[in-house]
Amino acid sequence: MTVPPWLVLSLVLSLTLALLYQIFSRRYGWRVLVYWVAVFAGFLGGELIAEQAGISLMRVGDLRLLPDFAGAFVVIGVLWFLGL
């Protein structure tokens, strides 16, 4: 079974964003796993909305990076607002 490249790229990018959020918020430890899952969900949510709306900004392979990052940053903003 092969893993699609868009899934690997989205996992790596969401992990990078989660790690950056953890570093800037100075909240270390196990929380990075929660951040990763939350940011990945936002990343895929942005992809889903962009695909349904037909938006193809900054397309890299099967991913639309601009809406994907927008979804991830919305989740990061919610995490920051909630103080998590």
PDB file of N, CA and C in Angstrom:
ATOM      1  N   MET A   1       0.839  -1.175   0.000  1.00  0.00           N
ATOM      2  CA  MET A   1       0.000   0.000   0.000  1.00  0.00           C
ATOM      3  C   MET A   1       0.886   1.242   0.000  1.00  0.00           C
ATOM      4  N   THR A   2       0.650   2.127  -0.921  1.00  0.00           N
ATOM      5  CA  THR A   2       1.441   3.348  -0.991  1.00  0.00           C
ATOM      6  C   THR A   2       0.650   4.514  -0.413  1.00  0.00           C
ATOM      7  N   VAL A   3       1.380   5.409   0.199  1.00  0.00           N
ATOM      8  CA  VAL A   3       0.772   6.609   0.773  1.00  0.00           C
ATOM      9  C   VAL A   3       0.832   7.703  -0.285  1.00  0.00           C
ATOM     10  N   PRO A   4      -0.279   8.397  -0.543  1.00  0.00           N
ATOM     11  CA  PRO A   4      -0.257   9.451  -1.559  1.00  0.00           C
ATOM     12  C   PRO A   4       0.667  10.600  -1.146  1.00  0.00           C
ATOM     13  N   PRO A   5       1.376  11.174  -2.113  1.00  0.00           N
ATOM     14  CA  PRO A   5       2.315  12.256  -1.798  1.00  0.00           C
ATOM     15  C   PRO A   5       1.649  13.473  -1.161  1.00  0.00           C
ATOM     16  N   TRP A   6       0.409  13.786  -1.538  1.00  0.00           N
ATOM     17  CA  TRP A   6      -0.256  14.950  -0.946  1.00  0.00           C
ATOM     18  C   TRP A   6      -0.483  14.754   0.549  1.00  0.00           C
ATOM     19  N   LEU A   7      -0.704  13.506   0.967  1.00  0.00           N
ATOM     20  CA  LEU A   7      -0.915  13.231   2.385  1.00  0.00           C
ATOM     21  C   LEU A   7       0.388  13.394   3.162  1.00  0.00           C
ATOM     22  N   VAL A   8       1.477  12.919   2.597  1.00  0.00           N
ATOM     23  CA  VAL A   8       2.783  13.067   3.249  1.00  0.00           C
ATOM     24  C   VAL A   8       3.142  14.543   3.369  1.00  0.00           C
ATOM     25  N   LEU A   9       2.956  15.307   2.290  1.00  0.00           N
ATOM     26  CA  LEU A   9       3.268  16.736   2.320  1.00  0.00           C
ATOM     27  C   LEU A   9       2.389  17.466   3.326  1.00  0.00           C
ATOM     28  N   SER A  10       1.110  17.143   3.367  1.00  0.00           N
ATOM     29  CA  SER A  10       0.227  17.824   4.316  1.00  0.00           C
ATOM     30  C   SER A  10       0.574  17.460   5.759  1.00  0.00           C
ATOM     31  N   LEU A  11       0.974  16.222   6.010  1.00  0.00           N
ATOM     32  CA  LEU A  11       1.397  15.839   7.359  1.00  0.00           C
ATOM     33  C   LEU A  11       2.676  16.562   7.774  1.00  0.00           C
ATOM     34  N   VAL A  12       3.632  16.663   6.860  1.00  0.00           N
ATOM     35  CA  VAL A  12       4.894  17.344   7.171  1.00  0.00           C
ATOM     36  C   VAL A  12       4.662  18.836   7.399  1.00  0.00           C
ATOM     37  N   LEU A  13       3.858  19.461   6.547  1.00  0.00           N
ATOM     38  CA  LEU A  13       3.599  20.892   6.702  1.00  0.00           C
ATOM     39  C   LEU A  13       2.806  21.183   7.973  1.00  0.00           C
ATOM     40  N   SER A  14       1.830  20.343   8.283  1.00  0.00           N
ATOM     41  CA  SER A  14       1.058  20.576   9.507  1.00  0.00           C
ATOM     42  C   SER A  14       1.915  20.335  10.749  1.00  0.00           C
ATOM     43  N   LEU A  15       2.823  19.359  10.702  1.00  0.00           N
ATOM     44  CA  LEU A  15       3.735  19.148  11.825  1.00  0.00           C
ATOM     45  C   LEU A  15       4.667  20.346  11.991  1.00  0.00           C
ATOM     46  N   THR A  16       5.141  20.895  10.888  1.00  0.00           N
ATOM     47  CA  THR A  16       6.002  22.075  10.952  1.00  0.00           C
ATOM     48  C   THR A  16       5.270  23.246  11.592  1.00  0.00           C
ATOM     49  N   LEU A  17       4.034  23.482  11.177  1.00  0.00           N
ATOM     50  CA  LEU A  17       3.255  24.571  11.768  1.00  0.00           C
ATOM     51  C   LEU A  17       2.980  24.320  13.250  1.00  0.00           C
ATOM     52  N   ALA A  18       2.687  23.074  13.608  1.00  0.00           N
ATOM     53  CA  ALA A  18       2.432  22.744  15.015  1.00  0.00           C
ATOM     54  C   ALA A  18       3.686  22.958  15.861  1.00  0.00           C
ATOM     55  N   LEU A  19       4.843  22.566  15.339  1.00  0.00           N
ATOM     56  CA  LEU A  19       6.091  22.768  16.077  1.00  0.00           C
ATOM     57  C   LEU A  19       6.417  24.249  16.219  1.00  0.00           C
ATOM     58  N   LEU A  20       6.197  25.027  15.163  1.00  0.00           N
ATOM     59  CA  LEU A  20       6.435  26.471  15.250  1.00  0.00           C
ATOM     60  C   LEU A  20       5.506  27.123  16.264  1.00  0.00           C
ATOM     61  N   TYR A  21       4.242  26.709  16.270  1.00  0.00           N
ATOM     62  CA  TYR A  21       3.310  27.247  17.267  1.00  0.00           C
ATOM     63  C   TYR A  21       3.760  26.880  18.677  1.00  0.00           C
ATOM     64  N   GLN A  22       4.226  25.658  18.858  1.00  0.00           N
ATOM     65  CA  GLN A  22       4.679  25.229  20.175  1.00  0.00           C
ATOM     66  C   GLN A  22       5.888  26.042  20.625  1.00  0.00           C
ATOM     67  N   ILE A  23       6.805  26.318  19.718  1.00  0.00           N
ATOM     68  CA  ILE A  23       7.994  27.098  20.061  1.00  0.00           C
ATOM     69  C   ILE A  23       7.614  28.532  20.412  1.00  0.00           C
ATOM     70  N   PHE A  24       6.758  29.156  19.608  1.00  0.00           N
ATOM     71  CA  PHE A  24       6.398  30.552  19.844  1.00  0.00           C
ATOM     72  C   PHE A  24       5.484  30.727  21.056  1.00  0.00           C
ATOM     73  N   SER A  25       4.671  29.729  21.360  1.00  0.00           N
ATOM     74  CA  SER A  25       3.780  29.840  22.519  1.00  0.00           C
ATOM     75  C   SER A  25       4.458  29.378  23.810  1.00  0.00           C
ATOM     76  N   ARG A  26       5.631  28.777  23.702  1.00  0.00           N
ATOM     77  CA  ARG A  26       6.426  28.298  24.842  1.00  0.00           C
ATOM     78  C   ARG A  26       5.655  27.293  25.692  1.00  0.00           C
ATOM     79  N   ARG A  27       4.918  26.446  25.027  1.00  0.00           N
ATOM     80  CA  ARG A  27       4.194  25.375  25.717  1.00  0.00           C
ATOM     81  C   ARG A  27       4.753  24.058  25.192  1.00  0.00           C
ATOM     82  N   TYR A  28       5.605  23.434  25.970  1.00  0.00           N
ATOM     83  CA  TYR A  28       6.334  22.264  25.498  1.00  0.00           C
ATOM     84  C   TYR A  28       5.733  20.979  26.041  1.00  0.00           C
ATOM     85  N   GLY A  29       6.175  19.871  25.487  1.00  0.00           N
ATOM     86  CA  GLY A  29       5.762  18.566  25.978  1.00  0.00           C
ATOM     87  C   GLY A  29       4.817  17.867  25.024  1.00  0.00           C
ATOM     88  N   TRP A  30       3.891  17.128  25.606  1.00  0.00           N
ATOM     89  CA  TRP A  30       2.980  16.278  24.836  1.00  0.00           C
ATOM     90  C   TRP A  30       2.012  17.079  23.986  1.00  0.00           C
ATOM     91  N   ARG A  31       1.854  18.366  24.262  1.00  0.00           N
ATOM     92  CA  ARG A  31       0.866  19.174  23.543  1.00  0.00           C
ATOM     93  C   ARG A  31       1.105  19.220  22.043  1.00  0.00           C
ATOM     94  N   VAL A  32       2.331  18.998  21.617  1.00  0.00           N
ATOM     95  CA  VAL A  32       2.618  19.067  20.184  1.00  0.00           C
ATOM     96  C   VAL A  32       1.787  18.046  19.416  1.00  0.00           C
ATOM     97  N   LEU A  33       1.477  16.924  20.020  1.00  0.00           N
ATOM     98  CA  LEU A  33       0.642  15.927  19.341  1.00  0.00           C
ATOM     99  C   LEU A  33      -0.776  16.446  19.145  1.00  0.00           C
ATOM    100  N   VAL A  34      -1.304  17.121  20.155  1.00  0.00           N
ATOM    101  CA  VAL A  34      -2.639  17.718  20.038  1.00  0.00           C
ATOM    102  C   VAL A  34      -2.618  18.836  19.003  1.00  0.00           C
ATOM    103  N   TYR A  35      -1.575  19.663  19.045  1.00  0.00           N
ATOM    104  CA  TYR A  35      -1.441  20.737  18.063  1.00  0.00           C
ATOM    105  C   TYR A  35      -1.374  20.162  16.652  1.00  0.00           C
ATOM    106  N   TRP A  36      -0.613  19.079  16.497  1.00  0.00           N
ATOM    107  CA  TRP A  36      -0.446  18.474  15.173  1.00  0.00           C
ATOM    108  C   TRP A  36      -1.779  17.987  14.627  1.00  0.00           C
ATOM    109  N   VAL A  37      -2.542  17.286  15.449  1.00  0.00           N
ATOM    110  CA  VAL A  37      -3.842  16.780  15.001  1.00  0.00           C
ATOM    111  C   VAL A  37      -4.776  17.941  14.670  1.00  0.00           C
ATOM    112  N   ALA A  38      -4.781  18.971  15.517  1.00  0.00           N
ATOM    113  CA  ALA A  38      -5.667  20.115  15.285  1.00  0.00           C
ATOM    114  C   ALA A  38      -5.273  20.873  14.022  1.00  0.00           C
ATOM    115  N   VAL A  39      -3.981  21.128  13.848  1.00  0.00           N
ATOM    116  CA  VAL A  39      -3.521  21.858  12.664  1.00  0.00           C
ATOM    117  C   VAL A  39      -3.737  21.023  11.405  1.00  0.00           C
ATOM    118  N   PHE A  40      -3.543  19.719  11.497  1.00  0.00           N
ATOM    119  CA  PHE A  40      -3.794  18.848  10.349  1.00  0.00           C
ATOM    120  C   PHE A  40      -5.270  18.873   9.970  1.00  0.00           C
ATOM    121  N   ALA A  41      -6.152  18.881  10.965  1.00  0.00           N
ATOM    122  CA  ALA A  41      -7.589  18.975  10.684  1.00  0.00           C
ATOM    123  C   ALA A  41      -7.921  20.300  10.009  1.00  0.00           C
ATOM    124  N   GLY A  42      -7.313  21.392  10.465  1.00  0.00           N
ATOM    125  CA  GLY A  42      -7.522  22.687   9.819  1.00  0.00           C
ATOM    126  C   GLY A  42      -6.966  22.714   8.408  1.00  0.00           C
ATOM    127  N   PHE A  43      -5.828  22.084   8.229  1.00  0.00           N
ATOM    128  CA  PHE A  43      -5.200  21.995   6.913  1.00  0.00           C
ATOM    129  C   PHE A  43      -6.112  21.261   5.934  1.00  0.00           C
ATOM    130  N   LEU A  44      -6.639  20.115   6.365  1.00  0.00           N
ATOM    131  CA  LEU A  44      -7.545  19.351   5.502  1.00  0.00           C
ATOM    132  C   LEU A  44      -8.887  20.049   5.336  1.00  0.00           C
ATOM    133  N   GLY A  45      -9.320  20.766   6.368  1.00  0.00           N
ATOM    134  CA  GLY A  45     -10.555  21.543   6.247  1.00  0.00           C
ATOM    135  C   GLY A  45     -10.431  22.634   5.204  1.00  0.00           C
ATOM    136  N   GLY A  46      -9.285  23.305   5.188  1.00  0.00           N
ATOM    137  CA  GLY A  46      -9.035  24.311   4.155  1.00  0.00           C
ATOM    138  C   GLY A  46      -9.002  23.696   2.771  1.00  0.00           C
ATOM    139  N   GLU A  47      -8.428  22.512   2.673  1.00  0.00           N
ATOM    140  CA  GLU A  47      -8.382  21.800   1.388  1.00  0.00           C
ATOM    141  C   GLU A  47      -9.789  21.421   0.933  1.00  0.00           C
ATOM    142  N   LEU A  48     -10.596  20.941   1.845  1.00  0.00           N
ATOM    143  CA  LEU A  48     -11.962  20.538   1.513  1.00  0.00           C
ATOM    144  C   LEU A  48     -12.796  21.729   1.053  1.00  0.00           C
ATOM    145  N   ILE A  49     -12.709  22.830   1.769  1.00  0.00           N
ATOM    146  CA  ILE A  49     -13.466  24.024   1.390  1.00  0.00           C
ATOM    147  C   ILE A  49     -12.991  24.562   0.049  1.00  0.00           C
ATOM    148  N   ALA A  50     -11.675  24.578  -0.171  1.00  0.00           N
ATOM    149  CA  ALA A  50     -11.140  25.072  -1.441  1.00  0.00           C
ATOM    150  C   ALA A  50     -11.569  24.192  -2.602  1.00  0.00           C
ATOM    151  N   GLU A  51     -11.592  22.889  -2.380  1.00  0.00           N
ATOM    152  CA  GLU A  51     -12.006  21.991  -3.458  1.00  0.00           C
ATOM    153  C   GLU A  51     -13.486  22.162  -3.775  1.00  0.00           C
ATOM    154  N   GLN A  52     -14.309  22.308  -2.750  1.00  0.00           N
ATOM    155  CA  GLN A  52     -15.740  22.494  -2.976  1.00  0.00           C
ATOM    156  C   GLN A  52     -16.031  23.827  -3.656  1.00  0.00           C
ATOM    157  N   ALA A  53     -15.240  24.860  -3.329  1.00  0.00           N
ATOM    158  CA  ALA A  53     -15.442  26.184  -3.917  1.00  0.00           C
ATOM    159  C   ALA A  53     -14.751  26.333  -5.268  1.00  0.00           C
ATOM    160  N   GLY A  54     -13.888  25.399  -5.622  1.00  0.00           N
ATOM    161  CA  GLY A  54     -13.183  25.467  -6.900  1.00  0.00           C
ATOM    162  C   GLY A  54     -12.023  26.441  -6.900  1.00  0.00           C
ATOM    163  N   ILE A  55     -11.445  26.711  -5.740  1.00  0.00           N
ATOM    164  CA  ILE A  55     -10.319  27.635  -5.617  1.00  0.00           C
ATOM    165  C   ILE A  55      -9.025  26.857  -5.823  1.00  0.00           C
ATOM    166  N   SER A  56      -8.147  27.364  -6.681  1.00  0.00           N
ATOM    167  CA  SER A  56      -6.879  26.678  -6.955  1.00  0.00           C
ATOM    168  C   SER A  56      -5.702  27.638  -6.826  1.00  0.00           C
ATOM    169  N   LEU A  57      -5.590  28.300  -5.689  1.00  0.00           N
ATOM    170  CA  LEU A  57      -4.491  29.231  -5.469  1.00  0.00           C
ATOM    171  C   LEU A  57      -3.277  28.491  -4.916  1.00  0.00           C
ATOM    172  N   MET A  58      -2.117  28.804  -5.451  1.00  0.00           N
ATOM    173  CA  MET A  58      -0.847  28.190  -5.033  1.00  0.00           C
ATOM    174  C   MET A  58      -0.931  26.673  -5.014  1.00  0.00           C
ATOM    175  N   ARG A  59      -1.290  26.108  -6.117  1.00  0.00           N
ATOM    176  CA  ARG A  59      -1.464  24.658  -6.201  1.00  0.00           C
ATOM    177  C   ARG A  59      -0.104  23.966  -6.323  1.00  0.00           C
ATOM    178  N   VAL A  60       0.114  22.954  -5.483  1.00  0.00           N
ATOM    179  CA  VAL A  60       1.308  22.118  -5.531  1.00  0.00           C
ATOM    180  C   VAL A  60       0.822  20.684  -5.587  1.00  0.00           C
ATOM    181  N   GLY A  61       0.883  20.091  -6.750  1.00  0.00           N
ATOM    182  CA  GLY A  61       0.347  18.743  -6.919  1.00  0.00           C
ATOM    183  C   GLY A  61      -1.153  18.742  -6.699  1.00  0.00           C
ATOM    184  N   ASP A  62      -1.613  17.955  -5.750  1.00  0.00           N
ATOM    185  CA  ASP A  62      -3.037  17.893  -5.434  1.00  0.00           C
ATOM    186  C   ASP A  62      -3.447  18.868  -4.338  1.00  0.00           C
ATOM    187  N   LEU A  63      -2.493  19.554  -3.737  1.00  0.00           N
ATOM    188  CA  LEU A  63      -2.797  20.462  -2.632  1.00  0.00           C
ATOM    189  C   LEU A  63      -2.919  21.898  -3.110  1.00  0.00           C
ATOM    190  N   ARG A  64      -3.850  22.609  -2.520  1.00  0.00           N
ATOM    191  CA  ARG A  64      -3.997  24.053  -2.727  1.00  0.00           C
ATOM    192  C   ARG A  64      -3.448  24.712  -1.467  1.00  0.00           C
ATOM    193  N   LEU A  65      -2.209  25.181  -1.519  1.00  0.00           N
ATOM    194  CA  LEU A  65      -1.512  25.564  -0.300  1.00  0.00           C
ATOM    195  C   LEU A  65      -2.069  26.810   0.370  1.00  0.00           C
ATOM    196  N   LEU A  66      -2.510  27.801  -0.382  1.00  0.00           N
ATOM    197  CA  LEU A  66      -2.999  29.027   0.248  1.00  0.00           C
ATOM    198  C   LEU A  66      -4.239  28.774   1.100  1.00  0.00           C
ATOM    199  N   PRO A  67      -5.278  28.118   0.581  1.00  0.00           N
ATOM    200  CA  PRO A  67      -6.428  27.819   1.452  1.00  0.00           C
ATOM    201  C   PRO A  67      -6.090  26.829   2.574  1.00  0.00           C
ATOM    202  N   ASP A  68      -5.166  25.915   2.311  1.00  0.00           N
ATOM    203  CA  ASP A  68      -4.771  24.951   3.342  1.00  0.00           C
ATOM    204  C   ASP A  68      -4.098  25.655   4.515  1.00  0.00           C
ATOM    205  N   PHE A  69      -3.179  26.568   4.198  1.00  0.00           N
ATOM    206  CA  PHE A  69      -2.527  27.326   5.258  1.00  0.00           C
ATOM    207  C   PHE A  69      -3.520  28.234   5.971  1.00  0.00           C
ATOM    208  N   ALA A  70      -4.481  28.777   5.240  1.00  0.00           N
ATOM    209  CA  ALA A  70      -5.506  29.612   5.873  1.00  0.00           C
ATOM    210  C   ALA A  70      -6.292  28.800   6.899  1.00  0.00           C
ATOM    211  N   GLY A  71      -6.679  27.589   6.537  1.00  0.00           N
ATOM    212  CA  GLY A  71      -7.387  26.726   7.484  1.00  0.00           C
ATOM    213  C   GLY A  71      -6.539  26.380   8.688  1.00  0.00           C
ATOM    214  N   ALA A  72      -5.258  26.118   8.453  1.00  0.00           N
ATOM    215  CA  ALA A  72      -4.356  25.793   9.561  1.00  0.00           C
ATOM    216  C   ALA A  72      -4.165  26.996  10.480  1.00  0.00           C
ATOM    217  N   PHE A  73      -4.046  28.195   9.902  1.00  0.00           N
ATOM    218  CA  PHE A  73      -3.858  29.389  10.723  1.00  0.00           C
ATOM    219  C   PHE A  73      -5.116  29.749  11.502  1.00  0.00           C
ATOM    220  N   VAL A  74      -6.279  29.423  10.968  1.00  0.00           N
ATOM    221  CA  VAL A  74      -7.519  29.619  11.732  1.00  0.00           C
ATOM    222  C   VAL A  74      -7.494  28.742  12.979  1.00  0.00           C
ATOM    223  N   VAL A  75      -7.083  27.500  12.817  1.00  0.00           N
ATOM    224  CA  VAL A  75      -6.997  26.589  13.968  1.00  0.00           C
ATOM    225  C   VAL A  75      -5.943  27.077  14.957  1.00  0.00           C
ATOM    226  N   ILE A  76      -4.806  27.544  14.468  1.00  0.00           N
ATOM    227  CA  ILE A  76      -3.764  28.062  15.356  1.00  0.00           C
ATOM    228  C   ILE A  76      -4.283  29.283  16.109  1.00  0.00           C
ATOM    229  N   GLY A  77      -5.028  30.139  15.433  1.00  0.00           N
ATOM    230  CA  GLY A  77      -5.630  31.292  16.102  1.00  0.00           C
ATOM    231  C   GLY A  77      -6.598  30.882  17.197  1.00  0.00           C
ATOM    232  N   VAL A  78      -7.392  29.861  16.938  1.00  0.00           N
ATOM    233  CA  VAL A  78      -8.326  29.359  17.957  1.00  0.00           C
ATOM    234  C   VAL A  78      -7.552  28.767  19.136  1.00  0.00           C
ATOM    235  N   LEU A  79      -6.493  28.014  18.852  1.00  0.00           N
ATOM    236  CA  LEU A  79      -5.668  27.453  19.929  1.00  0.00           C
ATOM    237  C   LEU A  79      -5.061  28.565  20.783  1.00  0.00           C
ATOM    238  N   TRP A  80      -4.570  29.608  20.132  1.00  0.00           N
ATOM    239  CA  TRP A  80      -3.974  30.723  20.856  1.00  0.00           C
ATOM    240  C   TRP A  80      -5.028  31.451  21.685  1.00  0.00           C
ATOM    241  N   PHE A  81      -6.217  31.667  21.100  1.00  0.00           N
ATOM    242  CA  PHE A  81      -7.292  32.362  21.803  1.00  0.00           C
ATOM    243  C   PHE A  81      -7.742  31.578  23.034  1.00  0.00           C
ATOM    244  N   LEU A  82      -7.800  30.263  22.915  1.00  0.00           N
ATOM    245  CA  LEU A  82      -8.207  29.421  24.038  1.00  0.00           C
ATOM    246  C   LEU A  82      -7.090  29.209  25.058  1.00  0.00           C
ATOM    247  N   GLY A  83      -5.874  29.604  24.700  1.00  0.00           N
ATOM    248  CA  GLY A  83      -4.748  29.459  25.616  1.00  0.00           C
ATOM    249  C   GLY A  83      -4.224  28.044  25.728  1.00  0.00           C
ATOM    250  N   LEU A  84      -4.398  27.276  24.680  1.00  0.00           N
ATOM    251  CA  LEU A  84      -3.920  25.889  24.697  1.00  0.00           C
ATOM    252  C   LEU A  84      -2.521  25.777  24.153  1.00  0.00           C
TER     253      LEU A  84
END
